[in-house]
Structures are given as C-alpha cells and as structure tokens.
Amino acid sequence: MCEQPIGEAVENEERAQVIAYHRGDTHAAIDTLLADIRHLRRQLALTEGAMGRGMTRGWRPSYHRE
C-alpha cells in the first residue's frame, strides 16, 4: 500500500498535474480552472433553486469562500 502525501504536498502535486495536462501553458490551465468554477457555480445555483429549505434545515449554499 502506498502512502499518500498530505497537505501542501498534495496541493503541489495537483498544481503540477494541472500544468502538465496543459503542456506547461499556465494561461490555459488558469482558463480551464476558471471555466470549471463558472460551471460549478451554475450547478450550485440550479441545485439551490431545486431543493427545499426543509430538506437542508435552513442551510444555504455559499458562493464565496469563508
């Protein structure tokens, strides 16, 4: 069984994988990540509109990091 890195090592590995996927083009990597954020925010808005408040005991999704 392999040990998985934790914390900053995981972040560095993920960052390297994203940049490698885009063949070193950091602008393309950022564009892709921003497009993913836009897509996920739209999905969150759709989900928020479809779910009942009783189902989540009053919890509301946040679109910004806290």
PDB file of N, CA and C in Angstrom:
ATOM      1  N   MET A   1       0.849  -1.187   0.000  1.00  0.00           N
ATOM      2  CA  MET A   1       0.000   0.000   0.000  1.00  0.00           C
ATOM      3  C   MET A   1       0.886   1.239   0.000  1.00  0.00           C
ATOM      4  N   CYS A   2       0.547   2.213  -0.834  1.00  0.00           N
ATOM      5  CA  CYS A   2       1.327   3.446  -0.923  1.00  0.00           C
ATOM      6  C   CYS A   2       0.780   4.487   0.036  1.00  0.00           C
ATOM      7  N   GLU A   3       1.699   5.223   0.609  1.00  0.00           N
ATOM      8  CA  GLU A   3       1.274   6.324   1.461  1.00  0.00           C
ATOM      9  C   GLU A   3       0.973   7.527   0.587  1.00  0.00           C
ATOM     10  N   GLN A   4      -0.118   8.183   0.878  1.00  0.00           N
ATOM     11  CA  GLN A   4      -0.472   9.373   0.109  1.00  0.00           C
ATOM     12  C   GLN A   4       0.049  10.614   0.819  1.00  0.00           C
ATOM     13  N   PRO A   5       0.592  11.557   0.055  1.00  0.00           N
ATOM     14  CA  PRO A   5       1.047  12.801   0.676  1.00  0.00           C
ATOM     15  C   PRO A   5      -0.142  13.591   1.210  1.00  0.00           C
ATOM     16  N   ILE A   6       0.110  14.399   2.205  1.00  0.00           N
ATOM     17  CA  ILE A   6      -0.965  15.202   2.774  1.00  0.00           C
ATOM     18  C   ILE A   6      -0.603  16.678   2.733  1.00  0.00           C
ATOM     19  N   GLY A   7      -1.621  17.513   2.866  1.00  0.00           N
ATOM     20  CA  GLY A   7      -1.412  18.946   2.970  1.00  0.00           C
ATOM     21  C   GLY A   7      -0.798  19.567   1.738  1.00  0.00           C
ATOM     22  N   GLU A   8       0.278  20.301   1.954  1.00  0.00           N
ATOM     23  CA  GLU A   8       0.911  21.074   0.883  1.00  0.00           C
ATOM     24  C   GLU A   8       1.452  20.179  -0.229  1.00  0.00           C
ATOM     25  N   ALA A   9       1.902  18.980   0.114  1.00  0.00           N
ATOM     26  CA  ALA A   9       2.431  18.073  -0.911  1.00  0.00           C
ATOM     27  C   ALA A   9       1.348  17.715  -1.917  1.00  0.00           C
ATOM     28  N   VAL A  10       0.133  17.505  -1.455  1.00  0.00           N
ATOM     29  CA  VAL A  10      -0.986  17.196  -2.349  1.00  0.00           C
ATOM     30  C   VAL A  10      -1.268  18.391  -3.251  1.00  0.00           C
ATOM     31  N   GLU A  11      -1.287  19.591  -2.679  1.00  0.00           N
ATOM     32  CA  GLU A  11      -1.544  20.797  -3.464  1.00  0.00           C
ATOM     33  C   GLU A  11      -0.475  20.989  -4.532  1.00  0.00           C
ATOM     34  N   ASN A  12       0.786  20.783  -4.184  1.00  0.00           N
ATOM     35  CA  ASN A  12       1.871  20.939  -5.154  1.00  0.00           C
ATOM     36  C   ASN A  12       1.747  19.907  -6.267  1.00  0.00           C
ATOM     37  N   GLU A  13       1.390  18.674  -5.900  1.00  0.00           N
ATOM     38  CA  GLU A  13       1.239  17.607  -6.898  1.00  0.00           C
ATOM     39  C   GLU A  13       0.068  17.918  -7.831  1.00  0.00           C
ATOM     40  N   GLU A  14      -1.036  18.360  -7.267  1.00  0.00           N
ATOM     41  CA  GLU A  14      -2.198  18.701  -8.095  1.00  0.00           C
ATOM     42  C   GLU A  14      -1.871  19.857  -9.035  1.00  0.00           C
ATOM     43  N   ARG A  15      -1.193  20.853  -8.520  1.00  0.00           N
ATOM     44  CA  ARG A  15      -0.812  22.002  -9.340  1.00  0.00           C
ATOM     45  C   ARG A  15       0.065  21.546 -10.503  1.00  0.00           C
ATOM     46  N   ALA A  16       1.035  20.700 -10.210  1.00  0.00           N
ATOM     47  CA  ALA A  16       1.938  20.199 -11.249  1.00  0.00           C
ATOM     48  C   ALA A  16       1.169  19.376 -12.286  1.00  0.00           C
ATOM     49  N   GLN A  17       0.186  18.596 -11.831  1.00  0.00           N
ATOM     50  CA  GLN A  17      -0.602  17.775 -12.756  1.00  0.00           C
ATOM     51  C   GLN A  17      -1.445  18.643 -13.683  1.00  0.00           C
ATOM     52  N   VAL A  18      -2.030  19.701 -13.148  1.00  0.00           N
ATOM     53  CA  VAL A  18      -2.848  20.594 -13.975  1.00  0.00           C
ATOM     54  C   VAL A  18      -1.986  21.260 -15.046  1.00  0.00           C
ATOM     55  N   ILE A  19      -0.833  21.761 -14.646  1.00  0.00           N
ATOM     56  CA  ILE A  19       0.052  22.429 -15.606  1.00  0.00           C
ATOM     57  C   ILE A  19       0.587  21.427 -16.628  1.00  0.00           C
ATOM     58  N   ALA A  20       0.927  20.221 -16.188  1.00  0.00           N
ATOM     59  CA  ALA A  20       1.417  19.202 -17.120  1.00  0.00           C
ATOM     60  C   ALA A  20       0.334  18.817 -18.127  1.00  0.00           C
ATOM     61  N   TYR A  21      -0.911  18.731 -17.674  1.00  0.00           N
ATOM     62  CA  TYR A  21      -2.018  18.398 -18.572  1.00  0.00           C
ATOM     63  C   TYR A  21      -2.107  19.404 -19.719  1.00  0.00           C
ATOM     64  N   HIS A  22      -1.819  20.670 -19.414  1.00  0.00           N
ATOM     65  CA  HIS A  22      -1.872  21.732 -20.420  1.00  0.00           C
ATOM     66  C   HIS A  22      -0.517  21.979 -21.069  1.00  0.00           C
ATOM     67  N   ARG A  23       0.365  21.002 -20.947  1.00  0.00           N
ATOM     68  CA  ARG A  23       1.703  21.038 -21.572  1.00  0.00           C
ATOM     69  C   ARG A  23       2.490  22.291 -21.193  1.00  0.00           C
ATOM     70  N   GLY A  24       2.388  22.677 -19.929  1.00  0.00           N
ATOM     71  CA  GLY A  24       3.166  23.803 -19.430  1.00  0.00           C
ATOM     72  C   GLY A  24       2.555  25.171 -19.668  1.00  0.00           C
ATOM     73  N   ASP A  25       1.419  25.226 -20.334  1.00  0.00           N
ATOM     74  CA  ASP A  25       0.766  26.511 -20.618  1.00  0.00           C
ATOM     75  C   ASP A  25      -0.080  26.926 -19.409  1.00  0.00           C
ATOM     76  N   THR A  26       0.495  27.797 -18.573  1.00  0.00           N
ATOM     77  CA  THR A  26      -0.196  28.186 -17.344  1.00  0.00           C
ATOM     78  C   THR A  26      -1.459  28.998 -17.625  1.00  0.00           C
ATOM     79  N   HIS A  27      -1.459  29.778 -18.699  1.00  0.00           N
ATOM     80  CA  HIS A  27      -2.658  30.550 -19.039  1.00  0.00           C
ATOM     81  C   HIS A  27      -3.813  29.625 -19.403  1.00  0.00           C
ATOM     82  N   ALA A  28      -3.529  28.569 -20.144  1.00  0.00           N
ATOM     83  CA  ALA A  28      -4.571  27.594 -20.494  1.00  0.00           C
ATOM     84  C   ALA A  28      -5.068  26.877 -19.245  1.00  0.00           C
ATOM     85  N   ALA A  29      -4.160  26.568 -18.323  1.00  0.00           N
ATOM     86  CA  ALA A  29      -4.549  25.904 -17.076  1.00  0.00           C
ATOM     87  C   ALA A  29      -5.480  26.807 -16.266  1.00  0.00           C
ATOM     88  N   ILE A  30      -5.140  28.080 -16.160  1.00  0.00           N
ATOM     89  CA  ILE A  30      -5.980  29.024 -15.418  1.00  0.00           C
ATOM     90  C   ILE A  30      -7.333  29.181 -16.097  1.00  0.00           C
ATOM     91  N   ASP A  31      -7.343  29.292 -17.425  1.00  0.00           N
ATOM     92  CA  ASP A  31      -8.611  29.413 -18.160  1.00  0.00           C
ATOM     93  C   ASP A  31      -9.517  28.213 -17.897  1.00  0.00           C
ATOM     94  N   THR A  32      -8.941  27.014 -17.901  1.00  0.00           N
ATOM     95  CA  THR A  32      -9.721  25.808 -17.637  1.00  0.00           C
ATOM     96  C   THR A  32     -10.288  25.815 -16.225  1.00  0.00           C
ATOM     97  N   LEU A  33      -9.465  26.184 -15.254  1.00  0.00           N
ATOM     98  CA  LEU A  33      -9.927  26.217 -13.867  1.00  0.00           C
ATOM     99  C   LEU A  33     -11.027  27.262 -13.669  1.00  0.00           C
ATOM    100  N   LEU A  34     -10.896  28.420 -14.313  1.00  0.00           N
ATOM    101  CA  LEU A  34     -11.940  29.445 -14.220  1.00  0.00           C
ATOM    102  C   LEU A  34     -13.242  28.971 -14.867  1.00  0.00           C
ATOM    103  N   ALA A  35     -13.139  28.269 -15.979  1.00  0.00           N
ATOM    104  CA  ALA A  35     -14.334  27.712 -16.630  1.00  0.00           C
ATOM    105  C   ALA A  35     -14.996  26.680 -15.720  1.00  0.00           C
ATOM    106  N   ASP A  36     -14.189  25.874 -15.022  1.00  0.00           N
ATOM    107  CA  ASP A  36     -14.737  24.899 -14.071  1.00  0.00           C
ATOM    108  C   ASP A  36     -15.474  25.602 -12.935  1.00  0.00           C
ATOM    109  N   ILE A  37     -14.909  26.695 -12.442  1.00  0.00           N
ATOM    110  CA  ILE A  37     -15.551  27.454 -11.358  1.00  0.00           C
ATOM    111  C   ILE A  37     -16.900  27.995 -11.827  1.00  0.00           C
ATOM    112  N   ARG A  38     -16.924  28.578 -13.031  1.00  0.00           N
ATOM    113  CA  ARG A  38     -18.190  29.102 -13.563  1.00  0.00           C
ATOM    114  C   ARG A  38     -19.232  27.999 -13.691  1.00  0.00           C
ATOM    115  N   HIS A  39     -18.825  26.853 -14.199  1.00  0.00           N
ATOM    116  CA  HIS A  39     -19.744  25.722 -14.360  1.00  0.00           C
ATOM    117  C   HIS A  39     -20.285  25.269 -13.003  1.00  0.00           C
ATOM    118  N   LEU A  40     -19.412  25.125 -12.015  1.00  0.00           N
ATOM    119  CA  LEU A  40     -19.843  24.659 -10.703  1.00  0.00           C
ATOM    120  C   LEU A  40     -20.754  25.668 -10.013  1.00  0.00           C
ATOM    121  N   ARG A  41     -20.496  26.955 -10.207  1.00  0.00           N
ATOM    122  CA  ARG A  41     -21.391  27.972  -9.629  1.00  0.00           C
ATOM    123  C   ARG A  41     -22.778  27.903 -10.261  1.00  0.00           C
ATOM    124  N   ARG A  42     -22.848  27.656 -11.576  1.00  0.00           N
ATOM    125  CA  ARG A  42     -24.151  27.491 -12.233  1.00  0.00           C
ATOM    126  C   ARG A  42     -24.866  26.263 -11.696  1.00  0.00           C
ATOM    127  N   GLN A  43     -24.124  25.172 -11.513  1.00  0.00           N
ATOM    128  CA  GLN A  43     -24.720  23.956 -10.967  1.00  0.00           C
ATOM    129  C   GLN A  43     -25.226  24.188  -9.544  1.00  0.00           C
ATOM    130  N   LEU A  44     -24.478  24.935  -8.749  1.00  0.00           N
ATOM    131  CA  LEU A  44     -24.888  25.244  -7.393  1.00  0.00           C
ATOM    132  C   LEU A  44     -26.156  26.094  -7.388  1.00  0.00           C
ATOM    133  N   ALA A  45     -26.233  27.057  -8.289  1.00  0.00           N
ATOM    134  CA  ALA A  45     -27.431  27.901  -8.386  1.00  0.00           C
ATOM    135  C   ALA A  45     -28.648  27.069  -8.778  1.00  0.00           C
ATOM    136  N   LEU A  46     -28.489  26.156  -9.725  1.00  0.00           N
ATOM    137  CA  LEU A  46     -29.599  25.293 -10.120  1.00  0.00           C
ATOM    138  C   LEU A  46     -30.040  24.390  -8.974  1.00  0.00           C
ATOM    139  N   THR A  47     -29.082  23.840  -8.253  1.00  0.00           N
ATOM    140  CA  THR A  47     -29.394  22.965  -7.126  1.00  0.00           C
ATOM    141  C   THR A  47     -30.113  23.741  -6.028  1.00  0.00           C
ATOM    142  N   GLU A  48     -29.630  24.938  -5.757  1.00  0.00           N
ATOM    143  CA  GLU A  48     -30.255  25.768  -4.723  1.00  0.00           C
ATOM    144  C   GLU A  48     -31.718  26.041  -5.077  1.00  0.00           C
ATOM    145  N   GLY A  49     -31.988  26.309  -6.357  1.00  0.00           N
ATOM    146  CA  GLY A  49     -33.354  26.588  -6.776  1.00  0.00           C
ATOM    147  C   GLY A  49     -34.261  25.373  -6.705  1.00  0.00           C
ATOM    148  N   ALA A  50     -33.691  24.187  -6.825  1.00  0.00           N
ATOM    149  CA  ALA A  50     -34.493  22.967  -6.864  1.00  0.00           C
ATOM    150  C   ALA A  50     -34.731  22.340  -5.492  1.00  0.00           C
ATOM    151  N   MET A  51     -33.902  22.665  -4.510  1.00  0.00           N
ATOM    152  CA  MET A  51     -34.041  21.992  -3.214  1.00  0.00           C
ATOM    153  C   MET A  51     -34.928  22.785  -2.270  1.00  0.00           C
ATOM    154  N   GLY A  52     -35.638  22.074  -1.432  1.00  0.00           N
ATOM    155  CA  GLY A  52     -36.495  22.717  -0.440  1.00  0.00           C
ATOM    156  C   GLY A  52     -35.699  23.120   0.784  1.00  0.00           C
ATOM    157  N   ARG A  53     -36.117  24.160   1.441  1.00  0.00           N
ATOM    158  CA  ARG A  53     -35.388  24.623   2.632  1.00  0.00           C
ATOM    159  C   ARG A  53     -35.499  23.622   3.775  1.00  0.00           C
ATOM    160  N   GLY A  54     -36.607  22.905   3.867  1.00  0.00           N
ATOM    161  CA  GLY A  54     -36.754  21.926   4.932  1.00  0.00           C
ATOM    162  C   GLY A  54     -35.788  20.762   4.781  1.00  0.00           C
ATOM    163  N   MET A  55     -35.431  20.483   3.554  1.00  0.00           N
ATOM    164  CA  MET A  55     -34.524  19.373   3.276  1.00  0.00           C
ATOM    165  C   MET A  55     -33.127  19.633   3.855  1.00  0.00           C
ATOM    166  N   THR A  56     -32.753  20.884   3.965  1.00  0.00           N
ATOM    167  CA  THR A  56     -31.401  21.226   4.422  1.00  0.00           C
ATOM    168  C   THR A  56     -31.400  21.920   5.780  1.00  0.00           C
ATOM    169  N   ARG A  57     -32.533  21.939   6.438  1.00  0.00           N
ATOM    170  CA  ARG A  57     -32.671  22.577   7.764  1.00  0.00           C
ATOM    171  C   ARG A  57     -32.196  24.024   7.764  1.00  0.00           C
ATOM    172  N   GLY A  58     -32.523  24.733   6.697  1.00  0.00           N
ATOM    173  CA  GLY A  58     -32.211  26.156   6.629  1.00  0.00           C
ATOM    174  C   GLY A  58     -30.843  26.492   6.067  1.00  0.00           C
ATOM    175  N   TRP A  59     -30.021  25.484   5.796  1.00  0.00           N
ATOM    176  CA  TRP A  59     -28.691  25.737   5.250  1.00  0.00           C
ATOM    177  C   TRP A  59     -28.813  26.310   3.846  1.00  0.00           C
ATOM    178  N   ARG A  60     -28.017  27.305   3.541  1.00  0.00           N
ATOM    179  CA  ARG A  60     -27.974  27.900   2.199  1.00  0.00           C
ATOM    180  C   ARG A  60     -26.541  27.781   1.686  1.00  0.00           C
ATOM    181  N   PRO A  61     -26.371  27.428   0.434  1.00  0.00           N
ATOM    182  CA  PRO A  61     -25.012  27.350  -0.114  1.00  0.00           C
ATOM    183  C   PRO A  61     -24.364  28.728  -0.189  1.00  0.00           C
ATOM    184  N   SER A  62     -23.055  28.742  -0.074  1.00  0.00           N
ATOM    185  CA  SER A  62     -22.302  29.991  -0.177  1.00  0.00           C
ATOM    186  C   SER A  62     -21.526  29.971  -1.490  1.00  0.00           C
ATOM    187  N   TYR A  63     -21.544  31.076  -2.186  1.00  0.00           N
ATOM    188  CA  TYR A  63     -20.831  31.169  -3.452  1.00  0.00           C
ATOM    189  C   TYR A  63     -19.415  31.700  -3.258  1.00  0.00           C
ATOM    190  N   HIS A  64     -19.086  32.088  -2.047  1.00  0.00           N
ATOM    191  CA  HIS A  64     -17.760  32.634  -1.757  1.00  0.00           C
ATOM    192  C   HIS A  64     -17.113  31.839  -0.622  1.00  0.00           C
ATOM    193  N   ARG A  65     -15.808  31.780  -0.648  1.00  0.00           N
ATOM    194  CA  ARG A  65     -15.085  31.118   0.441  1.00  0.00           C
ATOM    195  C   ARG A  65     -15.212  31.945   1.691  1.00  0.00           C
ATOM    196  N   GLU A  66     -15.222  31.278   2.787  1.00  0.00           N
ATOM    197  CA  GLU A  66     -15.333  31.999   4.074  1.00  0.00           C
ATOM    198  C   GLU A  66     -14.014  32.029   4.768  1.00  0.00           C
TER     199      GLU A  66
END
